[in-house]
Amino acid sequence: MNDPSDPGSDAPVTRAELVELLAPALGETKATDVVRQAALDLRIPNGQLTHQQALSVLDKVAYAPGLVGISARFVKSRLILKWGHCT
């Protein structure tokens, strides 16, 4: 599996990798649900995501209240710093 937090990587990211980053705070089931729903809302197909699509999914999840939103904002910030993206 790719490491989405690898600083030099432009490799695509999978939904499963986003779930893996959110799961420590939310649990795997909740992380899977919120990533799946955000991708569906954004009409992002299954499969690999570009960095921008991955950040869009996390941005969508970040609007959720409470721990879900806080966790998504934290993961998004981590990835932006690692990838060197500005949004």
C-alpha atoms as a PDB file:
ATOM      1  CA  MET A   1       0.000   0.000   0.000  1.00  0.00           C
ATOM      2  CA  ASN A   2       1.169   3.551  -0.709  1.00  0.00           C
ATOM      3  CA  ASP A   3       2.055   5.745   2.209  1.00  0.00           C
ATOM      4  CA  PRO A   4      -0.086   8.866   1.671  1.00  0.00           C
ATOM      5  CA  SER A   5       2.027  10.711   4.221  1.00  0.00           C
ATOM      6  CA  ASP A   6       5.261  10.123   2.250  1.00  0.00           C
ATOM      7  CA  PRO A   7       6.583  13.646   1.642  1.00  0.00           C
ATOM      8  CA  GLY A   8       7.937  13.050  -1.851  1.00  0.00           C
ATOM      9  CA  SER A   9       5.097  10.951  -3.121  1.00  0.00           C
ATOM     10  CA  ASP A  10       2.785  12.043  -5.917  1.00  0.00           C
ATOM     11  CA  ALA A  11       1.333   8.547  -5.895  1.00  0.00           C
ATOM     12  CA  PRO A  12      -2.443   8.249  -5.970  1.00  0.00           C
ATOM     13  CA  VAL A  13      -4.272   7.726  -2.692  1.00  0.00           C
ATOM     14  CA  THR A  14      -7.048   5.216  -2.077  1.00  0.00           C
ATOM     15  CA  ARG A  15     -10.145   5.642   0.050  1.00  0.00           C
ATOM     16  CA  ALA A  16      -8.767   2.875   2.257  1.00  0.00           C
ATOM     17  CA  GLU A  17      -5.674   4.981   2.960  1.00  0.00           C
ATOM     18  CA  LEU A  18      -7.826   7.917   4.039  1.00  0.00           C
ATOM     19  CA  VAL A  19      -9.826   5.567   6.256  1.00  0.00           C
ATOM     20  CA  GLU A  20      -6.565   4.284   7.759  1.00  0.00           C
ATOM     21  CA  LEU A  21      -5.545   7.832   8.690  1.00  0.00           C
ATOM     22  CA  LEU A  22      -8.926   8.628  10.290  1.00  0.00           C
ATOM     23  CA  ALA A  23      -9.518   5.260  11.963  1.00  0.00           C
ATOM     24  CA  PRO A  24      -7.344   5.771  15.073  1.00  0.00           C
ATOM     25  CA  ALA A  25      -9.637   8.602  16.167  1.00  0.00           C
ATOM     26  CA  LEU A  26     -12.966   7.478  14.716  1.00  0.00           C
ATOM     27  CA  GLY A  27     -12.762   3.717  14.483  1.00  0.00           C
ATOM     28  CA  GLU A  28     -12.638   1.868  11.198  1.00  0.00           C
ATOM     29  CA  THR A  29     -16.402   1.623  10.685  1.00  0.00           C
ATOM     30  CA  LYS A  30     -17.102   5.329  11.203  1.00  0.00           C
ATOM     31  CA  ALA A  31     -14.033   6.366   9.180  1.00  0.00           C
ATOM     32  CA  THR A  32     -15.147   4.117   6.312  1.00  0.00           C
ATOM     33  CA  ASP A  33     -18.670   5.547   6.424  1.00  0.00           C
ATOM     34  CA  VAL A  34     -17.629   9.206   6.383  1.00  0.00           C
ATOM     35  CA  VAL A  35     -15.016   8.754   3.628  1.00  0.00           C
ATOM     36  CA  ARG A  36     -17.456   6.762   1.487  1.00  0.00           C
ATOM     37  CA  GLN A  37     -20.250   9.294   1.935  1.00  0.00           C
ATOM     38  CA  ALA A  38     -17.996  12.291   1.223  1.00  0.00           C
ATOM     39  CA  ALA A  39     -16.656  10.655  -1.957  1.00  0.00           C
ATOM     40  CA  LEU A  40     -20.207   9.864  -3.075  1.00  0.00           C
ATOM     41  CA  ASP A  41     -21.357  13.433  -2.362  1.00  0.00           C
ATOM     42  CA  LEU A  42     -18.425  14.743  -4.410  1.00  0.00           C
ATOM     43  CA  ARG A  43     -19.079  12.184  -7.170  1.00  0.00           C
ATOM     44  CA  ILE A  44     -15.566  10.803  -6.901  1.00  0.00           C
ATOM     45  CA  PRO A  45     -15.485   7.276  -8.323  1.00  0.00           C
ATOM     46  CA  ASN A  46     -14.097   4.255  -6.502  1.00  0.00           C
ATOM     47  CA  GLY A  47     -10.439   3.620  -7.013  1.00  0.00           C
ATOM     48  CA  GLN A  48      -7.395   5.773  -6.662  1.00  0.00           C
ATOM     49  CA  LEU A  49      -7.678   9.456  -5.840  1.00  0.00           C
ATOM     50  CA  THR A  50      -5.408  12.302  -6.802  1.00  0.00           C
ATOM     51  CA  HIS A  51      -4.009  14.327  -3.943  1.00  0.00           C
ATOM     52  CA  GLN A  52      -6.542  17.075  -4.732  1.00  0.00           C
ATOM     53  CA  GLN A  53      -9.444  14.591  -4.655  1.00  0.00           C
ATOM     54  CA  ALA A  54      -8.207  13.173  -1.349  1.00  0.00           C
ATOM     55  CA  LEU A  55      -8.019  16.676   0.118  1.00  0.00           C
ATOM     56  CA  SER A  56     -11.518  17.404  -1.208  1.00  0.00           C
ATOM     57  CA  VAL A  57     -12.869  14.297   0.533  1.00  0.00           C
ATOM     58  CA  LEU A  58     -11.231  15.350   3.795  1.00  0.00           C
ATOM     59  CA  ASP A  59     -12.508  18.902   3.347  1.00  0.00           C
ATOM     60  CA  LYS A  60     -16.058  17.563   2.976  1.00  0.00           C
ATOM     61  CA  VAL A  61     -15.661  15.381   6.088  1.00  0.00           C
ATOM     62  CA  ALA A  62     -14.188  18.361   7.963  1.00  0.00           C
ATOM     63  CA  TYR A  63     -17.590  20.075   7.890  1.00  0.00           C
ATOM     64  CA  ALA A  64     -19.013  17.383  10.163  1.00  0.00           C
ATOM     65  CA  PRO A  65     -19.443  18.448  13.779  1.00  0.00           C
ATOM     66  CA  GLY A  66     -17.408  17.129  16.667  1.00  0.00           C
ATOM     67  CA  LEU A  67     -14.655  14.567  16.561  1.00  0.00           C
ATOM     68  CA  VAL A  68     -15.324  13.603  12.937  1.00  0.00           C
ATOM     69  CA  GLY A  69     -14.708  17.126  11.642  1.00  0.00           C
ATOM     70  CA  ILE A  70     -11.786  17.760  13.954  1.00  0.00           C
ATOM     71  CA  SER A  71     -10.119  14.510  12.897  1.00  0.00           C
ATOM     72  CA  ALA A  72     -10.595  15.270   9.202  1.00  0.00           C
ATOM     73  CA  ARG A  73      -9.098  18.744   9.595  1.00  0.00           C
ATOM     74  CA  PHE A  74      -6.119  17.283  11.442  1.00  0.00           C
ATOM     75  CA  VAL A  75      -5.492  14.585   8.797  1.00  0.00           C
ATOM     76  CA  LYS A  76      -5.930  17.115   5.986  1.00  0.00           C
ATOM     77  CA  SER A  77      -3.412  19.464   7.610  1.00  0.00           C
ATOM     78  CA  ARG A  78      -0.929  16.635   8.045  1.00  0.00           C
ATOM     79  CA  LEU A  79      -1.211  15.643   4.406  1.00  0.00           C
ATOM     80  CA  ILE A  80      -0.918  19.216   3.140  1.00  0.00           C
ATOM     81  CA  LEU A  81       2.274  19.652   5.138  1.00  0.00           C
ATOM     82  CA  LYS A  82       3.688  16.320   3.962  1.00  0.00           C
ATOM     83  CA  TRP A  83       2.743  16.759   0.301  1.00  0.00           C
ATOM     84  CA  GLY A  84       3.570  20.465   0.174  1.00  0.00           C
ATOM     85  CA  HIS A  85       0.144  21.415  -1.224  1.00  0.00           C
ATOM     86  CA  CYS A  86      -1.555  24.693  -0.587  1.00  0.00           C
ATOM     87  CA  THR A  87      -5.325  24.943  -0.807  1.00  0.00           C
END
